[in-house]
Amino acid sequence: MCTYSVKIDDAVMEKVRPSIDSGMDENAWVQMQVETLFTQMAVNMNLMNSEKKMLSQRLRGIGHAPKDFDYKKELENRF
């Protein structure tokens, strides 16, 4: 596990402090928030990579379309 030192503006912390469960350690709460944010970012990055891979596969498919394939007609039929 990695360890980082994080500085948070006191004014910002004062604004979010009411959302911390009473009795919960602030350090543990910040840890939980950072882990949640990083997990969401990792999921979004995986989705973006999947979308890029799908686009790449679709673009490769265009290069192998039949000679008389009508791209405009195909798009009209999709929508």
C-alpha atoms as a PDB file:
ATOM      1  CA  MET A   1       0.000   0.000   0.000  1.00  0.00           C
ATOM      2  CA  CYS A   2       1.262   3.477  -0.879  1.00  0.00           C
ATOM      3  CA  THR A   3       1.398   6.295   1.653  1.00  0.00           C
ATOM      4  CA  TYR A   4       0.950   9.937   0.691  1.00  0.00           C
ATOM      5  CA  SER A   5       0.832  13.156   2.635  1.00  0.00           C
ATOM      6  CA  VAL A   6      -2.186  15.265   1.684  1.00  0.00           C
ATOM      7  CA  LYS A   7      -2.896  18.874   2.588  1.00  0.00           C
ATOM      8  CA  ILE A   8      -6.492  20.095   2.625  1.00  0.00           C
ATOM      9  CA  ASP A   9      -7.497  23.731   2.928  1.00  0.00           C
ATOM     10  CA  ASP A  10      -9.033  24.353   6.368  1.00  0.00           C
ATOM     11  CA  ALA A  11     -11.938  26.282   4.836  1.00  0.00           C
ATOM     12  CA  VAL A  12     -12.782  23.339   2.565  1.00  0.00           C
ATOM     13  CA  MET A  13     -12.527  20.885   5.440  1.00  0.00           C
ATOM     14  CA  GLU A  14     -14.874  23.011   7.539  1.00  0.00           C
ATOM     15  CA  LYS A  15     -17.461  22.858   4.749  1.00  0.00           C
ATOM     16  CA  VAL A  16     -17.367  19.059   4.505  1.00  0.00           C
ATOM     17  CA  ARG A  17     -16.926  18.305   8.196  1.00  0.00           C
ATOM     18  CA  PRO A  18     -20.718  18.125   8.828  1.00  0.00           C
ATOM     19  CA  SER A  19     -20.945  15.200   6.399  1.00  0.00           C
ATOM     20  CA  ILE A  20     -18.489  13.114   8.452  1.00  0.00           C
ATOM     21  CA  ASP A  21     -20.278  10.595  10.662  1.00  0.00           C
ATOM     22  CA  SER A  22     -20.025  11.544  14.300  1.00  0.00           C
ATOM     23  CA  GLY A  23     -17.371   9.513  16.011  1.00  0.00           C
ATOM     24  CA  MET A  24     -15.584   8.711  12.738  1.00  0.00           C
ATOM     25  CA  ASP A  25     -11.924   9.635  12.593  1.00  0.00           C
ATOM     26  CA  GLU A  26     -11.354  12.432  10.053  1.00  0.00           C
ATOM     27  CA  ASN A  27      -8.240  10.719   8.700  1.00  0.00           C
ATOM     28  CA  ALA A  28     -10.206   7.527   8.087  1.00  0.00           C
ATOM     29  CA  TRP A  29     -12.957   9.539   6.390  1.00  0.00           C
ATOM     30  CA  VAL A  30     -10.468  11.289   4.087  1.00  0.00           C
ATOM     31  CA  GLN A  31      -8.880   7.901   3.305  1.00  0.00           C
ATOM     32  CA  MET A  32     -12.291   6.488   2.399  1.00  0.00           C
ATOM     33  CA  GLN A  33     -13.090   9.468   0.159  1.00  0.00           C
ATOM     34  CA  VAL A  34      -9.783   9.235  -1.706  1.00  0.00           C
ATOM     35  CA  GLU A  35     -10.157   5.471  -2.209  1.00  0.00           C
ATOM     36  CA  THR A  36     -13.696   5.960  -3.532  1.00  0.00           C
ATOM     37  CA  LEU A  37     -12.557   8.686  -5.932  1.00  0.00           C
ATOM     38  CA  PHE A  38      -9.617   6.638  -7.194  1.00  0.00           C
ATOM     39  CA  THR A  39     -11.799   3.556  -7.657  1.00  0.00           C
ATOM     40  CA  GLN A  40     -14.284   5.572  -9.720  1.00  0.00           C
ATOM     41  CA  MET A  41     -11.448   7.008 -11.798  1.00  0.00           C
ATOM     42  CA  ALA A  42     -10.040   3.524 -12.451  1.00  0.00           C
ATOM     43  CA  VAL A  43     -13.461   2.243 -13.555  1.00  0.00           C
ATOM     44  CA  ASN A  44     -13.908   5.244 -15.871  1.00  0.00           C
ATOM     45  CA  MET A  45     -10.462   4.683 -17.370  1.00  0.00           C
ATOM     46  CA  ASN A  46     -11.296   1.017 -18.013  1.00  0.00           C
ATOM     47  CA  LEU A  47     -14.552   2.044 -19.710  1.00  0.00           C
ATOM     48  CA  MET A  48     -12.748   4.587 -21.873  1.00  0.00           C
ATOM     49  CA  ASN A  49     -10.161   1.989 -22.864  1.00  0.00           C
ATOM     50  CA  SER A  50     -12.925  -0.483 -23.730  1.00  0.00           C
ATOM     51  CA  GLU A  51     -14.686   2.124 -25.859  1.00  0.00           C
ATOM     52  CA  LYS A  52     -11.433   2.928 -27.668  1.00  0.00           C
ATOM     53  CA  LYS A  53     -10.863  -0.765 -28.312  1.00  0.00           C
ATOM     54  CA  MET A  54     -14.398  -1.175 -29.694  1.00  0.00           C
ATOM     55  CA  LEU A  55     -13.960   1.881 -31.920  1.00  0.00           C
ATOM     56  CA  SER A  56     -10.657   0.526 -33.159  1.00  0.00           C
ATOM     57  CA  GLN A  57     -12.287  -2.803 -34.023  1.00  0.00           C
ATOM     58  CA  ARG A  58     -15.160  -1.057 -35.810  1.00  0.00           C
ATOM     59  CA  LEU A  59     -12.748   1.095 -37.808  1.00  0.00           C
ATOM     60  CA  ARG A  60     -10.769  -1.979 -38.794  1.00  0.00           C
ATOM     61  CA  GLY A  61     -14.027  -3.512 -39.992  1.00  0.00           C
ATOM     62  CA  ILE A  62     -14.581  -0.588 -42.355  1.00  0.00           C
ATOM     63  CA  GLY A  63     -11.335  -1.447 -44.119  1.00  0.00           C
ATOM     64  CA  HIS A  64     -12.693  -4.937 -44.829  1.00  0.00           C
ATOM     65  CA  ALA A  65     -16.155  -3.947 -46.041  1.00  0.00           C
ATOM     66  CA  PRO A  66     -17.301  -5.211 -49.460  1.00  0.00           C
ATOM     67  CA  LYS A  67     -16.400  -3.013 -52.408  1.00  0.00           C
ATOM     68  CA  ASP A  68     -20.031  -2.002 -53.110  1.00  0.00           C
ATOM     69  CA  PHE A  69     -20.922  -1.370 -49.420  1.00  0.00           C
ATOM     70  CA  ASP A  70     -22.945   1.853 -49.007  1.00  0.00           C
ATOM     71  CA  TYR A  71     -21.830   3.547 -45.793  1.00  0.00           C
ATOM     72  CA  LYS A  72     -24.467   6.306 -45.988  1.00  0.00           C
ATOM     73  CA  LYS A  73     -27.260   3.775 -46.392  1.00  0.00           C
ATOM     74  CA  GLU A  74     -25.901   1.751 -43.457  1.00  0.00           C
ATOM     75  CA  LEU A  75     -25.935   4.818 -41.223  1.00  0.00           C
ATOM     76  CA  GLU A  76     -29.472   5.748 -42.295  1.00  0.00           C
ATOM     77  CA  ASN A  77     -30.660   2.239 -41.402  1.00  0.00           C
ATOM     78  CA  ARG A  78     -29.045   2.444 -37.945  1.00  0.00           C
ATOM     79  CA  PHE A  79     -30.859   5.570 -36.842  1.00  0.00           C
END
